[in-house]
Amino acid sequence: MIQQIKNYLKLALGVEIKASAYTNNHFHAFLGWNYDFYLFTIYGHSCLLAMQKTDSQLTPMSIAKNISLLNAETGKTVIFGSVAMPAYERQRLMKTGTPFIIPGRQLYLPFLAVALSEYGTKKQRTFETIGTAGQLLLLRWLNGLDEDFSISDAMTAIHYSKPSIIRAFDELEFFGAARRQGKERRLSFLGEHARQWEELQGKLTNPCRRVIGLENLPAGLSVVPCGTEALAMRSMLNPSEQRELAVFHTDYSRLRQQEISVADAPIRLELWNYQPIAMPDGAVDPFSLWLTLKDNQDDRVQICLEEMMKEAL
């Protein structure tokens, strides 16, 4: 791994460094568990490289704290290094002012006033939110249905085109939810469900695009309990007399059905942007349900939502 750093610095800055392994028995044990250390000099600065071990799981905030601790203990300029890091996490790490080197991706050395991005590679796309295909893949992982995907796996699982799946992979990697690995470039999800949900829920969208009222369900229409009906199935909430059901909007659009006022209808049908994921209890998955009810003003609904999410995570 250190050779990748040396090659990258030569390519990016035109400088050759001589790095030697560094051991300090006075470091906290957790530092040795997560990093390998190397000493080198660059433009007159004596530096300590803290190279992340491949099996360690570190957040940008924990990395920043570790580097700050090493700075204080060694009196050297400490640089974080890793062979791979999602763009989203690199942005967060840069905001802390922590120097870092990700070979072939990004170089941030504020003590040299150097910041290079995606050197020698195709510029990575940036995203504001996670699209429908990416959201579905993430939901399948959060609900324990899948751990990783090849492109063909994902196409089979959610029935989206190859370009849509590639974009979904890009989005999930950009936001730090997953990473491509192996010869097949399989997308593997990272970290714990609870942490990823907390960090990414603001990048997800409410799947319900429209609500209609119906007297009766069309024959053959595949629907899943949603809304407060689904929440009542998982909590002490009293169910409404009105049925609340979800359906993929394209499945409904093929039918011609007389719609009536939602308030007066015995069936409240939500038309979703994707095929609702039905859980073993028959209702929509808890994460999608939370996205549809998070803005509900009823305090009872919010209390039950919170209880449901504790169970889900």
Protein backbone atom coordinates (compact mmCIF):
# COMPACT_ATOMS: atom_id res chain seq x y z
CA MET A 1 0.00 0.00 0.00
CA ILE A 2 2.83 2.39 0.75
CA GLN A 3 4.12 1.89 -2.79
CA GLN A 4 0.80 3.19 -4.14
CA ILE A 5 1.26 6.35 -2.06
CA LYS A 6 4.83 6.81 -3.33
CA ASN A 7 3.79 6.31 -6.95
CA TYR A 8 0.90 8.74 -6.58
CA LEU A 9 3.03 11.48 -5.03
CA LYS A 10 5.56 11.11 -7.84
CA LEU A 11 2.82 11.30 -10.47
CA ALA A 12 0.85 14.11 -8.84
CA LEU A 13 3.65 16.30 -7.43
CA GLY A 14 6.74 15.09 -9.25
CA VAL A 15 8.44 14.23 -5.98
CA GLU A 16 10.01 10.96 -4.89
CA ILE A 17 9.84 10.06 -1.23
CA LYS A 18 11.66 7.46 0.84
CA ALA A 19 9.31 6.02 3.41
CA SER A 20 10.29 3.85 6.36
CA ALA A 21 8.04 1.85 8.65
CA TYR A 22 7.47 3.49 12.04
CA THR A 23 6.60 1.83 15.35
CA ASN A 24 5.75 3.57 18.59
CA ASN A 25 4.80 1.35 21.51
CA HIS A 26 3.40 4.33 23.39
CA PHE A 27 0.53 4.87 20.95
CA HIS A 28 -2.94 3.91 22.08
CA ALA A 29 -3.67 0.31 21.12
CA PHE A 30 -6.62 1.23 18.88
CA LEU A 31 -4.27 3.27 16.66
CA GLY A 32 -2.18 0.18 15.96
CA TRP A 33 -5.31 -1.81 15.23
CA ASN A 34 -6.45 0.62 12.55
CA TYR A 35 -3.26 2.01 10.99
CA ASP A 36 0.19 1.19 9.70
CA PHE A 37 2.69 4.03 10.14
CA TYR A 38 5.44 5.35 7.85
CA LEU A 39 7.89 8.23 8.15
CA PHE A 40 8.91 10.36 5.18
CA THR A 41 9.93 13.90 4.32
CA ILE A 42 8.27 16.05 1.67
CA TYR A 43 9.43 19.56 0.80
CA GLY A 44 11.18 19.85 4.14
CA HIS A 45 8.22 18.67 6.21
CA SER A 46 8.77 15.64 8.45
CA CYS A 47 5.57 13.63 8.01
CA LEU A 48 3.99 10.57 9.56
CA LEU A 49 1.64 8.65 7.28
CA ALA A 50 -1.17 6.83 9.10
CA MET A 51 -2.21 4.25 6.52
CA GLN A 52 -5.64 2.74 7.14
CA LYS A 53 -5.65 -1.03 7.38
CA THR A 54 -8.01 -2.66 4.88
CA ASP A 55 -10.14 -4.38 7.54
CA SER A 56 -10.74 -1.26 9.67
CA GLN A 57 -14.02 0.68 9.64
CA LEU A 58 -13.42 4.38 10.28
CA THR A 59 -15.70 7.40 9.92
CA PRO A 60 -14.36 10.81 8.82
CA MET A 61 -14.89 12.18 12.33
CA SER A 62 -12.98 9.31 13.99
CA ILE A 63 -10.17 9.70 11.45
CA ALA A 64 -9.92 13.44 12.18
CA LYS A 65 -9.75 12.76 15.94
CA ASN A 66 -7.09 10.07 15.47
CA ILE A 67 -4.92 12.31 13.28
CA SER A 68 -5.26 15.17 15.77
CA LEU A 69 -4.17 12.83 18.59
CA LEU A 70 -1.17 11.65 16.57
CA ASN A 71 -0.20 15.25 15.80
CA ALA A 72 -0.13 16.01 19.52
CA GLU A 73 1.78 12.83 20.45
CA THR A 74 4.44 12.95 17.73
CA GLY A 75 4.83 16.65 16.95
CA LYS A 76 4.95 15.69 13.27
CA THR A 77 2.72 16.52 10.34
CA VAL A 78 0.39 13.49 10.28
CA ILE A 79 -1.33 12.49 7.03
CA PHE A 80 -4.15 9.98 6.72
CA GLY A 81 -3.83 7.47 3.88
CA SER A 82 -6.21 4.90 2.42
CA VAL A 83 -6.36 2.94 -0.83
CA ALA A 84 -10.05 3.79 -1.26
CA MET A 85 -12.56 6.20 0.22
CA PRO A 86 -15.96 7.34 -1.14
CA ALA A 87 -16.12 10.92 -2.44
CA TYR A 88 -18.79 11.79 0.12
CA GLU A 89 -16.51 10.81 3.03
CA ARG A 90 -13.53 12.58 1.45
CA GLN A 91 -15.55 15.80 1.37
CA ARG A 92 -16.43 15.41 5.05
CA LEU A 93 -12.80 14.69 5.96
CA MET A 94 -11.59 17.73 4.03
CA LYS A 95 -13.97 19.94 6.03
CA THR A 96 -12.10 18.94 9.21
CA GLY A 97 -8.81 20.17 7.73
CA THR A 98 -7.22 16.72 8.00
CA PRO A 99 -4.45 16.07 5.43
CA PHE A 100 -5.04 12.90 3.43
CA ILE A 101 -3.86 10.93 0.40
CA ILE A 102 -6.11 8.55 -1.55
CA PRO A 103 -3.91 7.22 -4.40
CA GLY A 104 -5.34 7.94 -7.84
CA ARG A 105 -8.28 9.82 -6.34
CA GLN A 106 -7.46 12.79 -4.17
CA LEU A 107 -4.60 14.57 -2.46
CA TYR A 108 -5.22 17.13 0.27
CA LEU A 109 -2.13 18.59 1.94
CA PRO A 110 -3.13 21.99 3.37
CA PHE A 111 0.30 22.48 4.99
CA LEU A 112 1.69 22.62 1.42
CA ALA A 113 -1.34 24.48 0.03
CA VAL A 114 -1.93 21.46 -2.26
CA ALA A 115 -5.35 20.05 -3.11
CA LEU A 116 -5.68 17.79 -6.14
CA SER A 117 -8.82 15.88 -6.99
CA GLU A 118 -9.34 12.77 -9.16
CA TYR A 119 -5.78 13.08 -10.53
CA GLY A 120 -5.31 11.03 -13.66
CA THR A 121 -8.84 9.61 -13.53
CA LYS A 122 -12.19 10.41 -15.01
CA LYS A 123 -13.89 13.09 -12.93
CA GLN A 124 -16.44 11.52 -10.63
CA ARG A 125 -20.05 12.60 -10.86
CA THR A 126 -21.59 14.37 -7.91
CA PHE A 127 -25.14 13.90 -6.64
CA GLU A 128 -27.56 15.76 -4.39
CA THR A 129 -29.92 12.85 -3.70
CA ILE A 130 -30.21 9.11 -4.24
CA GLY A 131 -32.45 8.23 -7.19
CA THR A 132 -35.21 5.64 -7.27
CA ALA A 133 -33.03 2.69 -8.34
CA GLY A 134 -30.37 3.51 -5.75
CA GLN A 135 -33.03 3.95 -3.09
CA LEU A 136 -34.48 0.54 -3.86
CA LEU A 137 -31.07 -1.17 -3.63
CA LEU A 138 -30.40 0.58 -0.33
CA LEU A 139 -33.85 -0.42 0.99
CA ARG A 140 -33.25 -4.05 0.07
CA TRP A 141 -30.04 -3.97 2.13
CA LEU A 142 -31.64 -2.14 5.07
CA ASN A 143 -34.47 -4.69 5.10
CA GLY A 144 -32.00 -7.60 5.13
CA LEU A 145 -32.87 -8.85 1.66
CA ASP A 146 -29.43 -8.46 0.04
CA GLU A 147 -25.85 -7.78 1.14
CA ASP A 148 -24.22 -6.95 -2.19
CA PHE A 149 -24.98 -6.76 -5.92
CA SER A 150 -23.38 -7.26 -9.29
CA ILE A 151 -24.94 -5.17 -12.05
CA SER A 152 -26.86 -8.20 -13.33
CA ASP A 153 -28.02 -9.07 -9.78
CA ALA A 154 -29.39 -5.56 -9.34
CA MET A 155 -31.12 -5.58 -12.73
CA THR A 156 -32.84 -8.84 -11.79
CA ALA A 157 -33.76 -7.70 -8.28
CA ILE A 158 -35.39 -4.36 -9.09
CA HIS A 159 -36.00 -4.57 -12.87
CA TYR A 160 -34.13 -1.42 -13.92
CA SER A 161 -31.95 -0.91 -17.00
CA LYS A 162 -28.17 -1.27 -16.91
CA PRO A 163 -27.53 2.52 -17.20
CA SER A 164 -29.93 3.11 -14.28
CA ILE A 165 -28.14 0.49 -12.18
CA ILE A 166 -24.71 1.97 -12.96
CA ARG A 167 -25.98 5.40 -11.91
CA ALA A 168 -27.42 3.85 -8.73
CA PHE A 169 -24.03 2.29 -7.94
CA ASP A 170 -22.35 5.68 -8.51
CA GLU A 171 -24.81 7.39 -6.15
CA LEU A 172 -24.46 4.85 -3.36
CA GLU A 173 -20.66 4.93 -3.60
CA PHE A 174 -20.63 8.74 -3.71
CA PHE A 175 -22.65 8.99 -0.48
CA GLY A 176 -20.50 6.38 1.28
CA ALA A 177 -23.23 3.74 1.55
CA ALA A 178 -21.37 1.14 -0.48
CA ARG A 179 -18.17 0.39 -2.36
CA ARG A 180 -17.36 -1.47 -5.56
CA GLN A 181 -15.02 -4.41 -4.97
CA GLY A 182 -13.57 -7.42 -6.75
CA LYS A 183 -13.20 -8.35 -10.40
CA GLU A 184 -16.94 -8.11 -11.00
CA ARG A 185 -16.97 -4.68 -9.34
CA ARG A 186 -19.69 -5.91 -7.01
CA LEU A 187 -21.34 -3.23 -4.91
CA SER A 188 -20.94 -4.07 -1.22
CA PHE A 189 -22.72 -2.05 1.45
CA LEU A 190 -20.67 -0.56 4.28
CA GLY A 191 -21.16 0.00 7.99
CA GLU A 192 -24.14 -0.61 10.20
CA HIS A 193 -27.76 -0.24 9.14
CA ALA A 194 -28.57 2.30 11.86
CA ARG A 195 -25.67 4.61 10.99
CA GLN A 196 -26.31 4.50 7.25
CA TRP A 197 -30.02 5.15 7.77
CA GLU A 198 -29.30 8.13 10.01
CA GLU A 199 -26.85 9.63 7.53
CA LEU A 200 -28.75 8.91 4.30
CA GLN A 201 -32.44 9.35 5.09
CA GLY A 202 -32.18 12.99 4.04
CA LYS A 203 -31.00 11.85 0.59
CA LEU A 204 -34.06 9.63 0.06
CA THR A 205 -37.47 10.66 -1.26
CA ASN A 206 -41.06 9.87 -0.35
CA PRO A 207 -42.04 7.04 -2.74
CA CYS A 208 -45.70 8.17 -2.90
CA ARG A 209 -46.24 10.35 -5.95
CA ARG A 210 -50.07 10.61 -5.82
CA VAL A 211 -53.03 9.43 -3.73
CA ILE A 212 -56.39 8.47 -5.22
CA GLY A 213 -59.72 7.28 -3.83
CA LEU A 214 -61.45 4.12 -5.07
CA GLU A 215 -64.71 2.32 -4.37
CA ASN A 216 -63.24 -1.06 -5.29
CA LEU A 217 -59.86 -2.49 -6.25
CA PRO A 218 -59.40 -3.49 -9.89
CA ALA A 219 -59.07 -7.24 -10.38
CA GLY A 220 -55.49 -8.48 -10.43
CA LEU A 221 -53.93 -5.31 -9.02
CA SER A 222 -51.03 -6.19 -6.67
CA VAL A 223 -51.31 -3.94 -3.61
CA VAL A 224 -49.57 -3.79 -0.22
CA PRO A 225 -50.91 -2.26 3.02
CA CYS A 226 -49.28 1.11 3.70
CA GLY A 227 -49.85 4.33 5.66
CA THR A 228 -51.45 4.15 9.09
CA GLU A 229 -52.95 0.76 8.22
CA ALA A 230 -49.43 -0.69 7.93
CA LEU A 231 -48.27 1.23 11.00
CA ALA A 232 -51.20 -0.17 13.03
CA MET A 233 -50.03 -3.67 12.10
CA ARG A 234 -46.70 -2.93 13.83
CA SER A 235 -47.80 -0.82 16.79
CA MET A 236 -50.65 -0.01 19.19
CA LEU A 237 -52.07 2.55 16.77
CA ASN A 238 -55.78 2.08 16.03
CA PRO A 239 -56.33 1.38 12.32
CA SER A 240 -58.52 3.65 10.24
CA GLU A 241 -61.77 2.35 8.77
CA GLN A 242 -60.40 3.41 5.37
CA ARG A 243 -58.15 0.86 3.67
CA GLU A 244 -54.70 2.26 2.87
CA LEU A 245 -52.85 0.46 0.12
CA ALA A 246 -49.78 1.06 -2.07
CA VAL A 247 -49.14 0.05 -5.67
CA PHE A 248 -46.47 0.71 -8.28
CA HIS A 249 -47.85 3.61 -10.33
CA THR A 250 -47.18 1.93 -13.68
CA ASP A 251 -49.25 -1.10 -12.65
CA TYR A 252 -52.23 1.14 -11.92
CA SER A 253 -51.79 3.34 -15.00
CA ARG A 254 -52.58 0.37 -17.27
CA LEU A 255 -56.10 0.24 -15.84
CA ARG A 256 -59.08 2.48 -16.38
CA GLN A 257 -60.76 3.03 -13.06
CA GLN A 258 -63.28 5.55 -11.76
CA GLU A 259 -61.63 7.67 -9.07
CA ILE A 260 -63.52 9.39 -6.27
CA SER A 261 -62.69 11.85 -3.48
CA VAL A 262 -59.99 10.43 -1.23
CA ALA A 263 -61.72 11.65 1.93
CA ASP A 264 -64.95 9.79 1.07
CA ALA A 265 -63.43 6.67 -0.47
CA PRO A 266 -63.34 3.30 1.30
CA ILE A 267 -59.93 2.73 -0.32
CA ARG A 268 -57.06 5.18 -0.19
CA LEU A 269 -54.60 4.06 -2.87
CA GLU A 270 -51.04 5.42 -2.92
CA LEU A 271 -49.31 5.36 -6.30
CA TRP A 272 -45.59 4.75 -5.65
CA ASN A 273 -42.49 5.47 -7.70
CA TYR A 274 -41.34 1.89 -7.22
CA GLN A 275 -42.80 -1.53 -6.52
CA PRO A 276 -43.58 -1.57 -2.77
CA ILE A 277 -41.46 -4.06 -0.84
CA ALA A 278 -43.79 -6.36 1.10
CA MET A 279 -42.40 -7.64 4.41
CA PRO A 280 -43.31 -10.98 6.08
CA ASP A 281 -46.20 -9.32 7.93
CA GLY A 282 -47.66 -8.34 4.54
CA ALA A 283 -47.19 -4.55 4.90
CA VAL A 284 -44.75 -2.26 3.14
CA ASP A 285 -41.19 -2.15 4.45
CA PRO A 286 -40.66 0.08 7.53
CA PHE A 287 -38.16 2.43 5.86
CA SER A 288 -40.47 3.28 2.97
CA LEU A 289 -43.34 3.60 5.42
CA TRP A 290 -41.33 6.08 7.49
CA LEU A 291 -40.62 8.14 4.36
CA THR A 292 -44.34 8.39 3.59
CA LEU A 293 -45.41 9.25 7.17
CA LYS A 294 -42.51 11.31 8.53
CA ASP A 295 -44.39 14.59 7.93
CA ASN A 296 -47.67 13.36 9.43
CA GLN A 297 -48.77 15.87 12.10
CA ASP A 298 -50.49 13.32 14.36
CA ASP A 299 -48.39 12.86 17.53
CA ARG A 300 -49.65 9.29 17.92
CA VAL A 301 -48.38 8.44 14.45
CA GLN A 302 -44.96 9.94 15.21
CA ILE A 303 -44.65 7.99 18.48
CA CYS A 304 -45.55 4.73 16.72
CA LEU A 305 -43.16 5.51 13.86
CA GLU A 306 -40.33 5.96 16.33
CA GLU A 307 -41.13 2.65 18.01
CA MET A 308 -41.29 0.89 14.65
CA MET A 309 -37.89 2.23 13.55
CA LYS A 310 -36.29 1.09 16.79
CA GLU A 311 -37.50 -2.41 15.97
CA ALA A 312 -36.37 -2.16 12.33
CA LEU A 313 -32.84 -1.09 13.24
